[in-house]
Amino acid sequence: MTKLILMRHGESVWNKKNLFTGWVDVPLSEKGIQEAIEGGKKIKDIPIDIIFMSTLIRAQMTGFLAMHQHTTTKTLVVNHEKGKLFDWGNIFNDKTKKDTIEVYFSWHLNERMYGELQGNNKDEMRAKFGKEQVHIWRRSFDTAPPNGESLKDTSERTLPYFKEVIMPYLNNDKNVFIAAHGNSLRSIVMFLDKLTGDEVVKLEIPTGEPIIYEYANKNFIRKTKI
């Protein structure tokens, strides 16, 4: 049965410092590196045919560290869709090409952009704007922080990409691994589990923990708890 694996990146250095991160491109902390490794061990025996990651380094580090634990002997190769890396990064040997797993990066899978909260300490923002207001910015479905995205905004870029680019691989019986972020993955889980806006705001995606779905007959069945 076809499988879809979702994994939120491990703890980043700004998660550790309690800072709003959003689209600021910071790496994993030591704890986050270990979370990615441990998450990878949990999926090491599941065949993976294609991988999608956000364009942010913390998701990419998580995806590659997780796959470093995998039993596959295939080589992960990043498929760049434009520029010199696209023009010049060709493989001219069919046997070698078959021994690879393609990796795609897309901004559509990036974290929610937190606008003017980015780089600010979460506790300091609660002291400045009030706990309730910060909670609304973080957890409501359609209220965005100043000059940022709401979860609804995030889903409006994440879900079309998932449906139009990723779903065709699942429909062709390819196992897919996605390494991304709490809010982009909440958008996808909302679609897969048919959650309402009220339900999804209560959903917390754990860091470094694979969420596994089985896909058959156009239906997704979640096999792991969140």
N, C-alpha and C. Protein backbone atom coordinates (compact mmCIF):
# COMPACT_ATOMS: atom_id res chain seq x y z
N MET A 1 0.84 -1.19 0.00
CA MET A 1 0.00 0.00 0.00
C MET A 1 0.88 1.25 0.00
N THR A 2 0.47 2.24 -0.79
CA THR A 2 1.24 3.47 -0.92
C THR A 2 1.28 4.24 0.40
N LYS A 3 2.45 4.80 0.70
CA LYS A 3 2.60 5.51 1.98
C LYS A 3 3.03 6.96 1.76
N LEU A 4 2.50 7.82 2.63
CA LEU A 4 2.89 9.23 2.71
C LEU A 4 3.45 9.46 4.10
N ILE A 5 4.67 9.99 4.16
CA ILE A 5 5.33 10.27 5.44
C ILE A 5 5.53 11.77 5.57
N LEU A 6 5.03 12.34 6.66
CA LEU A 6 5.22 13.75 6.95
C LEU A 6 6.14 13.87 8.16
N MET A 7 7.08 14.80 8.13
CA MET A 7 7.92 15.03 9.30
C MET A 7 8.20 16.53 9.47
N ARG A 8 7.84 17.02 10.64
CA ARG A 8 8.19 18.39 11.00
C ARG A 8 9.66 18.43 11.40
N HIS A 9 10.34 19.49 11.01
CA HIS A 9 11.76 19.62 11.36
C HIS A 9 11.99 19.53 12.86
N GLY A 10 13.18 19.11 13.24
CA GLY A 10 13.55 19.10 14.65
C GLY A 10 13.71 20.51 15.19
N GLU A 11 13.98 20.60 16.47
CA GLU A 11 14.15 21.90 17.11
C GLU A 11 15.22 22.74 16.40
N SER A 12 14.88 23.99 16.08
CA SER A 12 15.86 24.90 15.48
C SER A 12 16.54 25.71 16.57
N VAL A 13 17.60 26.40 16.20
CA VAL A 13 18.31 27.23 17.19
C VAL A 13 17.41 28.35 17.70
N TRP A 14 16.46 28.81 16.89
CA TRP A 14 15.54 29.85 17.36
C TRP A 14 14.38 29.26 18.15
N ASN A 15 13.97 28.01 17.86
CA ASN A 15 13.01 27.35 18.75
C ASN A 15 13.60 27.30 20.15
N LYS A 16 14.86 26.94 20.23
CA LYS A 16 15.54 26.83 21.53
C LYS A 16 15.57 28.17 22.25
N LYS A 17 15.72 29.26 21.50
CA LYS A 17 15.77 30.61 22.09
C LYS A 17 14.39 31.23 22.27
N ASN A 18 13.33 30.47 21.90
CA ASN A 18 11.94 30.92 22.06
C ASN A 18 11.64 32.13 21.18
N LEU A 19 12.22 32.15 19.98
CA LEU A 19 12.00 33.25 19.05
C LEU A 19 11.04 32.83 17.93
N PHE A 20 10.23 33.77 17.46
CA PHE A 20 9.42 33.53 16.27
C PHE A 20 10.37 33.42 15.07
N THR A 21 10.21 32.37 14.29
CA THR A 21 11.15 32.10 13.20
C THR A 21 10.54 32.37 11.83
N GLY A 22 9.43 31.72 11.52
CA GLY A 22 8.80 31.92 10.21
C GLY A 22 9.73 31.60 9.06
N TRP A 23 9.96 32.60 8.20
CA TRP A 23 10.80 32.39 7.01
C TRP A 23 12.27 32.74 7.24
N VAL A 24 12.65 33.10 8.46
CA VAL A 24 14.07 33.32 8.73
C VAL A 24 14.77 31.96 8.67
N ASP A 25 15.84 31.89 7.92
CA ASP A 25 16.41 30.58 7.55
C ASP A 25 17.51 30.17 8.52
N VAL A 26 17.12 29.60 9.65
CA VAL A 26 18.07 29.19 10.68
C VAL A 26 18.17 27.67 10.75
N PRO A 27 19.32 27.14 11.19
CA PRO A 27 19.53 25.69 11.21
C PRO A 27 18.96 25.03 12.47
N LEU A 28 19.12 23.72 12.52
CA LEU A 28 18.71 22.94 13.68
C LEU A 28 19.66 23.16 14.85
N SER A 29 19.12 23.01 16.04
CA SER A 29 19.95 22.95 17.25
C SER A 29 20.50 21.54 17.39
N GLU A 30 21.36 21.33 18.37
CA GLU A 30 21.87 19.98 18.63
C GLU A 30 20.73 19.02 18.94
N LYS A 31 19.77 19.50 19.74
CA LYS A 31 18.60 18.67 20.03
C LYS A 31 17.82 18.36 18.76
N GLY A 32 17.67 19.37 17.89
CA GLY A 32 16.95 19.17 16.63
C GLY A 32 17.63 18.16 15.73
N ILE A 33 18.96 18.18 15.70
CA ILE A 33 19.71 17.19 14.91
C ILE A 33 19.41 15.79 15.42
N GLN A 34 19.41 15.62 16.73
CA GLN A 34 19.13 14.30 17.30
C GLN A 34 17.69 13.88 17.05
N GLU A 35 16.75 14.84 17.10
CA GLU A 35 15.35 14.52 16.81
C GLU A 35 15.20 14.01 15.37
N ALA A 36 15.90 14.65 14.44
CA ALA A 36 15.82 14.24 13.04
C ALA A 36 16.38 12.83 12.86
N ILE A 37 17.48 12.55 13.54
CA ILE A 37 18.10 11.22 13.46
C ILE A 37 17.16 10.16 14.03
N GLU A 38 16.58 10.44 15.20
CA GLU A 38 15.68 9.47 15.83
C GLU A 38 14.42 9.27 14.99
N GLY A 39 13.91 10.36 14.40
CA GLY A 39 12.75 10.23 13.51
C GLY A 39 13.07 9.39 12.30
N GLY A 40 14.28 9.57 11.76
CA GLY A 40 14.70 8.78 10.61
C GLY A 40 14.76 7.29 10.90
N LYS A 41 15.15 6.94 12.10
CA LYS A 41 15.23 5.52 12.47
C LYS A 41 13.86 4.86 12.43
N LYS A 42 12.81 5.65 12.68
CA LYS A 42 11.45 5.10 12.71
C LYS A 42 10.90 4.81 11.32
N ILE A 43 11.51 5.38 10.29
CA ILE A 43 11.03 5.15 8.92
C ILE A 43 12.08 4.45 8.05
N LYS A 44 13.13 3.96 8.66
CA LYS A 44 14.28 3.47 7.90
C LYS A 44 13.97 2.27 7.01
N ASP A 45 12.92 1.54 7.35
CA ASP A 45 12.60 0.34 6.57
C ASP A 45 11.43 0.55 5.62
N ILE A 46 10.89 1.78 5.57
CA ILE A 46 9.79 2.07 4.65
C ILE A 46 10.38 2.54 3.32
N PRO A 47 10.09 1.84 2.22
CA PRO A 47 10.62 2.28 0.92
C PRO A 47 10.14 3.70 0.61
N ILE A 48 11.04 4.53 0.13
CA ILE A 48 10.70 5.91 -0.22
C ILE A 48 11.13 6.15 -1.67
N ASP A 49 10.20 6.67 -2.46
CA ASP A 49 10.45 6.85 -3.88
C ASP A 49 10.80 8.28 -4.26
N ILE A 50 10.25 9.25 -3.52
CA ILE A 50 10.50 10.65 -3.84
C ILE A 50 10.34 11.48 -2.57
N ILE A 51 11.10 12.58 -2.50
CA ILE A 51 11.12 13.39 -1.28
C ILE A 51 10.87 14.86 -1.64
N PHE A 52 10.07 15.52 -0.81
CA PHE A 52 9.81 16.95 -0.94
C PHE A 52 10.19 17.63 0.37
N MET A 53 10.86 18.77 0.26
CA MET A 53 11.26 19.55 1.43
C MET A 53 10.96 21.02 1.16
N SER A 54 10.85 21.78 2.23
CA SER A 54 10.72 23.23 2.05
C SER A 54 12.08 23.79 1.61
N THR A 55 12.12 25.08 1.34
CA THR A 55 13.38 25.70 0.94
C THR A 55 14.19 26.16 2.16
N LEU A 56 13.68 25.94 3.38
CA LEU A 56 14.35 26.39 4.59
C LEU A 56 15.27 25.31 5.14
N ILE A 57 16.45 25.71 5.58
CA ILE A 57 17.52 24.77 5.91
C ILE A 57 17.15 23.82 7.04
N ARG A 58 16.32 24.26 7.99
CA ARG A 58 15.98 23.37 9.10
C ARG A 58 15.16 22.17 8.64
N ALA A 59 14.32 22.35 7.64
CA ALA A 59 13.57 21.23 7.07
C ALA A 59 14.48 20.35 6.23
N GLN A 60 15.39 20.98 5.49
CA GLN A 60 16.31 20.20 4.65
C GLN A 60 17.27 19.38 5.51
N MET A 61 17.80 19.98 6.57
CA MET A 61 18.67 19.22 7.48
C MET A 61 17.91 18.03 8.06
N THR A 62 16.66 18.25 8.44
CA THR A 62 15.85 17.17 9.01
C THR A 62 15.65 16.05 8.00
N GLY A 63 15.30 16.41 6.77
CA GLY A 63 15.06 15.39 5.76
C GLY A 63 16.29 14.57 5.44
N PHE A 64 17.42 15.24 5.27
CA PHE A 64 18.65 14.51 4.93
C PHE A 64 19.18 13.70 6.10
N LEU A 65 19.10 14.25 7.31
CA LEU A 65 19.54 13.48 8.48
C LEU A 65 18.66 12.26 8.70
N ALA A 66 17.34 12.43 8.51
CA ALA A 66 16.44 11.29 8.63
C ALA A 66 16.76 10.22 7.60
N MET A 67 17.00 10.62 6.38
CA MET A 67 17.28 9.65 5.32
C MET A 67 18.65 9.01 5.47
N HIS A 68 19.55 9.68 6.21
CA HIS A 68 20.86 9.09 6.47
C HIS A 68 20.73 7.81 7.30
N GLN A 69 19.60 7.66 8.00
CA GLN A 69 19.36 6.46 8.81
C GLN A 69 18.69 5.36 7.99
N HIS A 70 18.29 5.67 6.78
CA HIS A 70 17.48 4.76 5.98
C HIS A 70 18.29 3.59 5.44
N THR A 71 17.61 2.48 5.28
CA THR A 71 18.30 1.27 4.79
C THR A 71 18.56 1.29 3.28
N THR A 72 17.98 2.26 2.58
CA THR A 72 18.19 2.32 1.14
C THR A 72 19.67 2.52 0.82
N THR A 73 20.09 1.98 -0.30
CA THR A 73 21.45 2.21 -0.79
C THR A 73 21.45 3.26 -1.91
N LYS A 74 20.26 3.78 -2.22
CA LYS A 74 20.17 4.77 -3.28
C LYS A 74 20.71 6.13 -2.82
N THR A 75 21.14 6.94 -3.79
CA THR A 75 21.68 8.26 -3.51
C THR A 75 20.58 9.31 -3.64
N LEU A 76 20.48 10.18 -2.63
CA LEU A 76 19.55 11.30 -2.73
C LEU A 76 20.16 12.36 -3.65
N VAL A 77 19.38 12.79 -4.63
CA VAL A 77 19.83 13.79 -5.59
C VAL A 77 18.81 14.92 -5.64
N VAL A 78 19.25 16.14 -5.37
CA VAL A 78 18.36 17.29 -5.42
C VAL A 78 18.08 17.65 -6.88
N ASN A 79 16.80 17.73 -7.21
CA ASN A 79 16.39 18.09 -8.56
C ASN A 79 16.06 19.58 -8.58
N HIS A 80 17.00 20.37 -9.11
CA HIS A 80 16.79 21.81 -9.21
C HIS A 80 15.99 22.09 -10.48
N GLU A 81 14.98 22.94 -10.34
CA GLU A 81 14.02 23.11 -11.44
C GLU A 81 14.33 24.28 -12.36
N LYS A 82 15.41 25.04 -12.08
CA LYS A 82 15.81 26.11 -12.97
C LYS A 82 17.24 26.52 -12.66
N GLY A 83 17.81 27.32 -13.55
CA GLY A 83 19.17 27.81 -13.34
C GLY A 83 20.23 26.84 -13.83
N LYS A 84 21.48 27.15 -13.53
CA LYS A 84 22.59 26.33 -14.01
C LYS A 84 22.57 24.92 -13.42
N LEU A 85 22.10 24.79 -12.17
CA LEU A 85 22.03 23.45 -11.59
C LEU A 85 21.02 22.58 -12.33
N PHE A 86 19.99 23.18 -12.88
CA PHE A 86 19.05 22.43 -13.72
C PHE A 86 19.68 22.13 -15.08
N ASP A 87 20.33 23.14 -15.66
CA ASP A 87 20.91 22.97 -16.99
C ASP A 87 22.08 21.99 -17.00
N TRP A 88 22.89 22.04 -15.95
CA TRP A 88 24.14 21.28 -15.96
C TRP A 88 24.13 20.05 -15.04
N GLY A 89 23.11 19.91 -14.20
CA GLY A 89 23.11 18.80 -13.24
C GLY A 89 22.45 17.54 -13.74
N ASN A 90 22.79 17.14 -14.97
CA ASN A 90 22.16 15.95 -15.56
C ASN A 90 22.97 14.69 -15.28
N ILE A 91 22.27 13.56 -15.18
CA ILE A 91 22.92 12.25 -15.04
C ILE A 91 22.82 11.56 -16.39
N PHE A 92 23.94 11.14 -16.94
CA PHE A 92 23.97 10.57 -18.27
C PHE A 92 24.22 9.07 -18.26
N ASN A 93 23.83 8.42 -17.18
CA ASN A 93 23.96 6.97 -17.08
C ASN A 93 22.66 6.43 -16.51
N ASP A 94 21.94 5.60 -17.27
CA ASP A 94 20.62 5.12 -16.87
C ASP A 94 20.68 4.28 -15.60
N LYS A 95 21.71 3.47 -15.46
CA LYS A 95 21.84 2.63 -14.27
C LYS A 95 22.04 3.49 -13.02
N THR A 96 22.90 4.50 -13.15
CA THR A 96 23.13 5.41 -12.02
C THR A 96 21.87 6.18 -11.69
N LYS A 97 21.13 6.62 -12.71
CA LYS A 97 19.92 7.40 -12.49
C LYS A 97 18.87 6.59 -11.74
N LYS A 98 18.75 5.30 -12.06
CA LYS A 98 17.78 4.44 -11.38
C LYS A 98 18.15 4.21 -9.91
N ASP A 99 19.42 4.46 -9.60
CA ASP A 99 19.90 4.23 -8.23
C ASP A 99 19.85 5.51 -7.41
N THR A 100 18.94 6.43 -7.74
CA THR A 100 18.80 7.69 -7.02
C THR A 100 17.37 7.87 -6.51
N ILE A 101 17.23 8.73 -5.51
CA ILE A 101 15.91 9.19 -5.05
C ILE A 101 15.89 10.70 -5.25
N GLU A 102 14.95 11.18 -6.03
CA GLU A 102 14.89 12.61 -6.31
C GLU A 102 14.34 13.38 -5.11
N VAL A 103 14.95 14.54 -4.87
CA VAL A 103 14.53 15.45 -3.79
C VAL A 103 14.17 16.79 -4.42
N TYR A 104 13.00 17.30 -4.07
CA TYR A 104 12.55 18.59 -4.57
C TYR A 104 12.38 19.57 -3.41
N PHE A 105 12.82 20.82 -3.61
CA PHE A 105 12.62 21.88 -2.64
C PHE A 105 11.51 22.80 -3.16
N SER A 106 10.61 23.23 -2.28
CA SER A 106 9.58 24.17 -2.70
C SER A 106 9.22 25.14 -1.57
N TRP A 107 9.12 26.42 -1.91
CA TRP A 107 8.72 27.44 -0.94
C TRP A 107 7.26 27.25 -0.52
N HIS A 108 6.49 26.54 -1.33
CA HIS A 108 5.08 26.30 -0.98
C HIS A 108 4.96 25.50 0.32
N LEU A 109 6.01 24.76 0.68
CA LEU A 109 6.01 23.96 1.90
C LEU A 109 6.65 24.69 3.07
N ASN A 110 7.07 25.95 2.86
CA ASN A 110 7.72 26.70 3.93
C ASN A 110 6.78 26.96 5.10
N GLU A 111 7.38 27.28 6.23
CA GLU A 111 6.62 27.64 7.42
C GLU A 111 5.75 28.87 7.17
N ARG A 112 4.76 29.06 8.00
CA ARG A 112 3.96 30.28 7.97
C ARG A 112 4.88 31.48 8.19
N MET A 113 4.68 32.53 7.39
CA MET A 113 5.49 33.73 7.53
C MET A 113 4.89 34.57 8.65
N TYR A 114 5.69 34.80 9.70
CA TYR A 114 5.17 35.46 10.90
C TYR A 114 5.30 36.98 10.89
N GLY A 115 5.66 37.57 9.75
CA GLY A 115 5.66 39.02 9.64
C GLY A 115 6.56 39.69 10.66
N GLU A 116 6.03 40.70 11.31
CA GLU A 116 6.83 41.52 12.22
C GLU A 116 7.13 40.83 13.56
N LEU A 117 6.61 39.63 13.74
CA LEU A 117 6.97 38.86 14.94
C LEU A 117 8.31 38.15 14.77
N GLN A 118 8.75 37.97 13.54
CA GLN A 118 9.96 37.19 13.28
C GLN A 118 11.19 37.80 13.97
N GLY A 119 11.90 36.94 14.69
CA GLY A 119 13.09 37.39 15.42
C GLY A 119 12.80 37.88 16.82
N ASN A 120 11.51 38.02 17.16
CA ASN A 120 11.13 38.48 18.50
C ASN A 120 10.88 37.31 19.45
N ASN A 121 11.19 37.54 20.71
CA ASN A 121 10.95 36.53 21.74
C ASN A 121 9.45 36.41 22.01
N LYS A 122 8.97 35.19 22.08
CA LYS A 122 7.53 34.96 22.24
C LYS A 122 7.01 35.51 23.56
N ASP A 123 7.77 35.33 24.63
CA ASP A 123 7.32 35.86 25.93
C ASP A 123 7.30 37.38 25.94
N GLU A 124 8.27 38.00 25.28
CA GLU A 124 8.29 39.47 25.21
C GLU A 124 7.11 39.99 24.40
N MET A 125 6.72 39.27 23.36
CA MET A 125 5.56 39.67 22.56
C MET A 125 4.27 39.51 23.37
N ARG A 126 4.23 38.48 24.23
CA ARG A 126 3.05 38.32 25.10
C ARG A 126 2.97 39.47 26.09
N ALA A 127 4.12 39.88 26.61
CA ALA A 127 4.13 41.01 27.55
C ALA A 127 3.73 42.31 26.86
N LYS A 128 4.09 42.47 25.61
CA LYS A 128 3.81 43.71 24.88
C LYS A 128 2.37 43.77 24.37
N PHE A 129 1.89 42.66 23.79
CA PHE A 129 0.58 42.68 23.14
C PHE A 129 -0.51 41.95 23.93
N GLY A 130 -0.10 41.19 24.94
CA GLY A 130 -1.06 40.41 25.72
C GLY A 130 -1.07 38.95 25.27
N LYS A 131 -1.24 38.06 26.23
CA LYS A 131 -1.22 36.62 25.93
C LYS A 131 -2.31 36.24 24.94
N GLU A 132 -3.49 36.82 25.12
CA GLU A 132 -4.61 36.45 24.25
C GLU A 132 -4.36 36.83 22.80
N GLN A 133 -3.81 38.03 22.57
CA GLN A 133 -3.55 38.47 21.21
C GLN A 133 -2.49 37.60 20.54
N VAL A 134 -1.41 37.30 21.24
CA VAL A 134 -0.37 36.45 20.67
C VAL A 134 -0.91 35.05 20.41
N HIS A 135 -1.76 34.56 21.30
CA HIS A 135 -2.38 33.24 21.09
C HIS A 135 -3.23 33.25 19.83
N ILE A 136 -3.97 34.33 19.61
CA ILE A 136 -4.78 34.43 18.39
C ILE A 136 -3.90 34.44 17.16
N TRP A 137 -2.80 35.21 17.19
CA TRP A 137 -1.89 35.24 16.05
C TRP A 137 -1.30 33.86 15.77
N ARG A 138 -0.98 33.13 16.82
CA ARG A 138 -0.32 31.83 16.65
C ARG A 138 -1.30 30.72 16.30
N ARG A 139 -2.51 30.76 16.87
CA ARG A 139 -3.35 29.58 16.81
C ARG A 139 -4.67 29.74 16.07
N SER A 140 -5.08 30.97 15.75
CA SER A 140 -6.34 31.10 15.01
C SER A 140 -6.13 30.65 13.57
N PHE A 141 -7.21 30.36 12.87
CA PHE A 141 -7.12 29.88 11.50
C PHE A 141 -6.94 31.00 10.49
N ASP A 142 -7.64 32.13 10.71
CA ASP A 142 -7.65 33.15 9.66
C ASP A 142 -7.22 34.54 10.11
N THR A 143 -6.58 34.63 11.29
CA THR A 143 -6.04 35.92 11.74
C THR A 143 -4.52 35.90 11.62
N ALA A 144 -3.97 36.85 10.89
CA ALA A 144 -2.53 36.90 10.65
C ALA A 144 -1.85 37.86 11.61
N PRO A 145 -0.59 37.60 11.98
CA PRO A 145 0.18 38.59 12.74
C PRO A 145 0.49 39.78 11.84
N PRO A 146 0.96 40.89 12.38
CA PRO A 146 1.22 42.09 11.57
C PRO A 146 2.12 41.80 10.37
N ASN A 147 1.57 42.03 9.17
CA ASN A 147 2.29 41.82 7.90
C ASN A 147 2.77 40.39 7.72
N GLY A 148 2.04 39.43 8.30
CA GLY A 148 2.40 38.02 8.15
C GLY A 148 1.26 37.23 7.53
N GLU A 149 1.36 35.91 7.63
CA GLU A 149 0.36 35.00 7.09
C GLU A 149 -0.46 34.38 8.22
N SER A 150 -1.73 34.14 7.95
CA SER A 150 -2.55 33.30 8.82
C SER A 150 -2.34 31.85 8.39
N LEU A 151 -2.88 30.92 9.18
CA LEU A 151 -2.83 29.51 8.78
C LEU A 151 -3.63 29.31 7.49
N LYS A 152 -4.71 30.06 7.34
CA LYS A 152 -5.51 29.99 6.11
C LYS A 152 -4.66 30.42 4.91
N ASP A 153 -3.90 31.52 5.06
CA ASP A 153 -3.01 31.95 3.98
C ASP A 153 -2.00 30.88 3.63
N THR A 154 -1.44 30.25 4.66
CA THR A 154 -0.44 29.20 4.44
C THR A 154 -1.05 28.04 3.67
N SER A 155 -2.25 27.64 4.06
CA SER A 155 -2.90 26.51 3.39
C SER A 155 -3.20 26.82 1.93
N GLU A 156 -3.39 28.10 1.62
CA GLU A 156 -3.72 28.47 0.24
C GLU A 156 -2.54 28.39 -0.70
N ARG A 157 -1.32 28.25 -0.16
CA ARG A 157 -0.16 27.97 -1.03
C ARG A 157 0.31 26.52 -0.90
N THR A 158 0.13 25.95 0.31
CA THR A 158 0.60 24.59 0.55
C THR A 158 -0.29 23.55 -0.11
N LEU A 159 -1.61 23.67 0.04
CA LEU A 159 -2.52 22.64 -0.46
C LEU A 159 -2.55 22.53 -1.99
N PRO A 160 -2.58 23.64 -2.74
CA PRO A 160 -2.52 23.47 -4.20
C PRO A 160 -1.25 22.74 -4.64
N TYR A 161 -0.12 23.04 -4.00
CA TYR A 161 1.13 22.35 -4.35
C TYR A 161 1.01 20.86 -4.02
N PHE A 162 0.45 20.56 -2.85
CA PHE A 162 0.29 19.16 -2.47
C PHE A 162 -0.61 18.43 -3.47
N LYS A 163 -1.72 19.04 -3.82
CA LYS A 163 -2.68 18.38 -4.71
C LYS A 163 -2.17 18.26 -6.14
N GLU A 164 -1.51 19.32 -6.62
CA GLU A 164 -1.12 19.35 -8.03
C GLU A 164 0.23 18.72 -8.31
N VAL A 165 1.15 18.77 -7.36
CA VAL A 165 2.51 18.28 -7.60
C VAL A 165 2.78 16.96 -6.88
N ILE A 166 2.37 16.85 -5.63
CA ILE A 166 2.71 15.65 -4.84
C ILE A 166 1.72 14.52 -5.05
N MET A 167 0.43 14.83 -5.09
CA MET A 167 -0.59 13.79 -5.23
C MET A 167 -0.40 12.88 -6.45
N PRO A 168 0.02 13.41 -7.61
CA PRO A 168 0.22 12.52 -8.75
C PRO A 168 1.19 11.38 -8.48
N TYR A 169 2.20 11.61 -7.67
CA TYR A 169 3.13 10.52 -7.32
C TYR A 169 2.42 9.47 -6.48
N LEU A 170 1.61 9.91 -5.53
CA LEU A 170 0.86 8.95 -4.72
C LEU A 170 -0.11 8.16 -5.59
N ASN A 171 -0.74 8.83 -6.55
CA ASN A 171 -1.67 8.14 -7.44
C ASN A 171 -0.97 7.15 -8.36
N ASN A 172 0.35 7.31 -8.52
CA ASN A 172 1.15 6.36 -9.31
C ASN A 172 1.88 5.37 -8.41
N ASP A 173 1.36 5.21 -7.17
CA ASP A 173 1.88 4.21 -6.23
C ASP A 173 3.31 4.47 -5.78
N LYS A 174 3.69 5.73 -5.69
CA LYS A 174 5.01 6.11 -5.20
C LYS A 174 4.91 6.52 -3.73
N ASN A 175 5.80 6.00 -2.91
CA ASN A 175 5.86 6.41 -1.50
C ASN A 175 6.55 7.77 -1.40
N VAL A 176 5.94 8.70 -0.68
CA VAL A 176 6.40 10.09 -0.63
C VAL A 176 6.78 10.45 0.80
N PHE A 177 7.90 11.15 0.94
CA PHE A 177 8.36 11.68 2.23
C PHE A 177 8.42 13.20 2.12
N ILE A 178 7.75 13.90 3.04
CA ILE A 178 7.76 15.37 3.08
C ILE A 178 8.39 15.83 4.39
N ALA A 179 9.43 16.64 4.30
CA ALA A 179 10.05 17.26 5.48
C ALA A 179 9.74 18.75 5.42
N ALA A 180 8.95 19.22 6.39
CA ALA A 180 8.51 20.61 6.33
C ALA A 180 8.33 21.18 7.73
N HIS A 181 7.25 21.91 7.97
CA HIS A 181 7.11 22.74 9.17
C HIS A 181 5.76 22.54 9.84
N GLY A 182 5.66 23.02 11.07
CA GLY A 182 4.44 22.83 11.83
C GLY A 182 3.20 23.32 11.11
N ASN A 183 3.23 24.53 10.57
CA ASN A 183 2.02 25.09 9.96
C ASN A 183 1.77 24.59 8.55
N SER A 184 2.80 24.39 7.75
CA SER A 184 2.56 23.84 6.41
C SER A 184 2.04 22.41 6.52
N LEU A 185 2.56 21.66 7.50
CA LEU A 185 2.07 20.29 7.69
C LEU A 185 0.69 20.27 8.32
N ARG A 186 0.37 21.23 9.18
CA ARG A 186 -0.99 21.33 9.71
C ARG A 186 -1.98 21.53 8.57
N SER A 187 -1.60 22.32 7.58
CA SER A 187 -2.47 22.53 6.42
C SER A 187 -2.73 21.23 5.69
N ILE A 188 -1.68 20.44 5.51
CA ILE A 188 -1.82 19.17 4.80
C ILE A 188 -2.64 18.18 5.62
N VAL A 189 -2.35 18.09 6.91
CA VAL A 189 -3.11 17.18 7.78
C VAL A 189 -4.58 17.59 7.83
N MET A 190 -4.85 18.88 7.82
CA MET A 190 -6.22 19.38 7.79
C MET A 190 -6.97 18.79 6.59
N PHE A 191 -6.31 18.78 5.43
CA PHE A 191 -6.89 18.22 4.22
C PHE A 191 -7.03 16.70 4.31
N LEU A 192 -5.97 16.03 4.77
CA LEU A 192 -5.99 14.56 4.82
C LEU A 192 -7.01 14.03 5.80
N ASP A 193 -7.10 14.69 6.96
CA ASP A 193 -8.00 14.21 8.02
C ASP A 193 -9.36 14.90 8.00
N LYS A 194 -9.56 15.76 6.98
CA LYS A 194 -10.85 16.45 6.82
C LYS A 194 -11.23 17.24 8.08
N LEU A 195 -10.28 18.01 8.59
CA LEU A 195 -10.51 18.81 9.79
C LEU A 195 -11.14 20.15 9.43
N THR A 196 -11.89 20.69 10.35
CA THR A 196 -12.45 22.04 10.18
C THR A 196 -11.42 23.07 10.63
N GLY A 197 -11.70 24.34 10.37
CA GLY A 197 -10.82 25.40 10.84
C GLY A 197 -10.71 25.41 12.35
N ASP A 198 -11.80 25.13 13.04
CA ASP A 198 -11.76 25.08 14.51
C ASP A 198 -10.94 23.89 15.02
N GLU A 199 -11.01 22.78 14.29
CA GLU A 199 -10.28 21.59 14.73
C GLU A 199 -8.78 21.71 14.49
N VAL A 200 -8.40 22.31 13.36
CA VAL A 200 -6.98 22.35 13.01
C VAL A 200 -6.19 23.27 13.93
N VAL A 201 -6.84 24.29 14.49
CA VAL A 201 -6.09 25.20 15.37
C VAL A 201 -5.68 24.51 16.66
N LYS A 202 -6.32 23.40 17.00
CA LYS A 202 -5.98 22.65 18.20
C LYS A 202 -4.91 21.59 17.92
N LEU A 203 -4.58 21.42 16.64
CA LEU A 203 -3.63 20.38 16.23
C LEU A 203 -2.20 20.85 16.43
N GLU A 204 -1.40 20.05 17.11
CA GLU A 204 0.02 20.35 17.31
C GLU A 204 0.84 19.25 16.64
N ILE A 205 1.69 19.63 15.69
CA ILE A 205 2.55 18.66 15.00
C ILE A 205 3.86 18.53 15.76
N PRO A 206 4.21 17.35 16.26
CA PRO A 206 5.44 17.20 17.04
C PRO A 206 6.69 17.31 16.17
N THR A 207 7.78 17.81 16.75
CA THR A 207 9.03 17.94 16.02
C THR A 207 9.72 16.59 15.89
N GLY A 208 10.22 16.32 14.69
CA GLY A 208 11.03 15.13 14.46
C GLY A 208 10.29 13.80 14.53
N GLU A 209 8.97 13.83 14.56
CA GLU A 209 8.18 12.60 14.65
C GLU A 209 7.50 12.32 13.32
N PRO A 210 7.79 11.19 12.69
CA PRO A 210 7.12 10.89 11.42
C PRO A 210 5.63 10.62 11.62
N ILE A 211 4.83 11.17 10.74
CA ILE A 211 3.39 10.91 10.69
C ILE A 211 3.14 10.14 9.41
N ILE A 212 2.63 8.94 9.53
CA ILE A 212 2.54 8.03 8.39
C ILE A 212 1.09 7.80 8.00
N TYR A 213 0.81 7.96 6.71
CA TYR A 213 -0.50 7.67 6.14
C TYR A 213 -0.36 6.55 5.12
N GLU A 214 -1.40 5.74 5.02
CA GLU A 214 -1.53 4.81 3.91
C GLU A 214 -2.56 5.38 2.95
N TYR A 215 -2.28 5.23 1.65
CA TYR A 215 -3.14 5.82 0.62
C TYR A 215 -3.60 4.73 -0.32
N ALA A 216 -4.92 4.59 -0.43
CA ALA A 216 -5.50 3.60 -1.34
C ALA A 216 -6.92 4.02 -1.70
N ASN A 217 -7.28 3.83 -2.96
CA ASN A 217 -8.63 4.14 -3.42
C ASN A 217 -9.02 5.59 -3.12
N LYS A 218 -8.04 6.49 -3.30
CA LYS A 218 -8.24 7.93 -3.11
C LYS A 218 -8.49 8.32 -1.65
N ASN A 219 -8.20 7.43 -0.73
CA ASN A 219 -8.42 7.71 0.69
C ASN A 219 -7.11 7.63 1.46
N PHE A 220 -6.97 8.51 2.46
CA PHE A 220 -5.81 8.50 3.34
C PHE A 220 -6.22 7.94 4.70
N ILE A 221 -5.42 7.01 5.21
CA ILE A 221 -5.66 6.45 6.53
C ILE A 221 -4.41 6.71 7.36
N ARG A 222 -4.57 7.49 8.43
CA ARG A 222 -3.41 7.80 9.28
C ARG A 222 -3.10 6.61 10.16
N LYS A 223 -1.81 6.21 10.14
CA LYS A 223 -1.37 5.01 10.89
C LYS A 223 -0.64 5.37 12.17
N THR A 224 -0.34 6.63 12.38
CA THR A 224 0.34 7.04 13.60
C THR A 224 -0.48 8.13 14.30
N LYS A 225 -0.37 8.19 15.60
CA LYS A 225 -1.09 9.21 16.36
C LYS A 225 -0.33 10.53 16.31
N ILE A 226 -1.08 11.62 16.44
CA ILE A 226 -0.46 12.96 16.55
C ILE A 226 -0.76 13.47 17.95
